[in-house]
Amino acid sequence: MLKLTLKPGDYIDIGKNIRVVFSGGSANNIHLLVDAPREMNIARSSAERKSNRTHYYKEQGISEQAQKEIAAILMRERRSRSEEAR
């Protein structure tokens, strides 16, 4: 196990895709920011101890049809805003 002393703003990189940033702390708490791919399963130890939750799974993505509908809505919004600006 590696033990580090960090100052606020310091970070550690884990592999190519994960960065853990120490953002400060107070009393008995520290604040960490974890930048990792969505596919990574990240859970705090207190969450793992709860008996009603044994596993965490990545949320299922939205369907291709829903993605197309969202894109169409966004395009309509952009067009209506550009027409209003004229």
Protein backbone atom coordinates (compact mmCIF):
# COMPACT_ATOMS: atom_id res chain seq x y z
CA MET A 1 0.00 0.00 0.00
CA LEU A 2 1.27 3.47 -0.87
CA LYS A 3 0.92 6.29 1.66
CA LEU A 4 1.08 9.85 0.29
CA THR A 5 1.03 13.32 1.77
CA LEU A 6 -0.76 15.74 -0.53
CA LYS A 7 -1.54 19.44 -0.48
CA PRO A 8 -4.81 20.82 -1.88
CA GLY A 9 -4.59 20.76 -5.65
CA ASP A 10 -2.08 17.90 -5.73
CA TYR A 11 -3.12 14.80 -7.62
CA ILE A 12 -2.09 11.26 -8.37
CA ASP A 13 -2.55 9.48 -11.68
CA ILE A 14 -3.50 5.82 -11.72
CA GLY A 15 -2.72 4.43 -15.14
CA LYS A 16 -3.61 6.56 -18.16
CA ASN A 17 -7.30 7.09 -17.42
CA ILE A 18 -7.69 7.80 -13.69
CA ARG A 19 -6.73 10.93 -11.76
CA VAL A 20 -7.43 11.48 -8.06
CA VAL A 21 -7.22 15.12 -6.93
CA PHE A 22 -6.98 16.17 -3.28
CA SER A 23 -9.19 19.27 -3.06
CA GLY A 24 -8.84 19.96 0.66
CA GLY A 25 -10.46 18.90 3.85
CA SER A 26 -11.82 19.85 7.22
CA ALA A 27 -11.80 18.23 10.68
CA ASN A 28 -11.87 14.47 10.08
CA ASN A 29 -12.83 14.68 6.41
CA ILE A 30 -10.84 14.91 3.21
CA HIS A 31 -12.22 15.84 -0.17
CA LEU A 32 -11.15 13.87 -3.22
CA LEU A 33 -12.12 14.35 -6.84
CA VAL A 34 -11.93 11.20 -8.96
CA ASP A 35 -11.71 11.61 -12.73
CA ALA A 36 -12.21 8.19 -14.32
CA PRO A 37 -14.02 6.65 -17.30
CA ARG A 38 -17.73 6.03 -16.78
CA GLU A 39 -17.14 2.31 -17.21
CA MET A 40 -15.15 2.20 -13.97
CA ASN A 41 -16.99 1.00 -10.89
CA ILE A 42 -16.11 3.42 -8.07
CA ALA A 43 -17.71 2.94 -4.65
CA ARG A 44 -16.75 4.16 -1.19
CA SER A 45 -16.09 1.56 1.49
CA SER A 46 -19.14 2.59 3.56
CA ALA A 47 -21.38 1.86 0.56
CA GLU A 48 -19.85 -1.58 0.15
CA ARG A 49 -20.53 -2.43 3.81
CA LYS A 50 -24.29 -1.96 3.44
CA SER A 51 -25.88 -5.37 3.36
CA ASN A 52 -28.74 -4.44 1.01
CA ARG A 53 -26.32 -3.53 -1.81
CA THR A 54 -23.88 -6.16 -2.91
CA HIS A 55 -22.93 -5.10 -6.45
CA TYR A 56 -22.85 -1.90 -8.45
CA TYR A 57 -23.44 -1.96 -12.17
CA LYS A 58 -22.97 0.60 -14.88
CA GLU A 59 -26.23 2.24 -15.88
CA GLN A 60 -27.58 1.11 -19.18
CA GLY A 61 -27.21 3.73 -21.90
CA ILE A 62 -30.22 5.20 -23.66
CA SER A 63 -31.42 3.61 -26.88
CA GLU A 64 -30.28 4.76 -30.30
CA GLN A 65 -33.83 5.95 -31.03
CA ALA A 66 -33.84 8.12 -27.88
CA GLN A 67 -30.44 9.55 -28.86
CA LYS A 68 -31.83 10.50 -32.28
CA GLU A 69 -34.91 12.12 -30.71
CA ILE A 70 -32.75 14.16 -28.34
CA ALA A 71 -30.52 15.28 -31.23
CA ALA A 72 -33.62 16.34 -33.22
CA ILE A 73 -34.97 18.34 -30.27
CA LEU A 74 -31.63 20.09 -29.83
CA MET A 75 -31.47 20.96 -33.53
CA ARG A 76 -35.00 22.43 -33.41
CA GLU A 77 -34.03 24.52 -30.37
CA ARG A 78 -30.91 25.82 -32.13
CA ARG A 79 -32.90 26.74 -35.24
CA SER A 80 -35.59 28.53 -33.26
CA ARG A 81 -32.98 30.50 -31.29
CA SER A 82 -31.14 31.53 -34.45
CA GLU A 83 -34.43 32.64 -36.04
CA GLU A 84 -35.33 34.67 -32.94
CA ALA A 85 -31.93 36.38 -33.03
CA ARG A 86 -32.58 37.65 -36.58
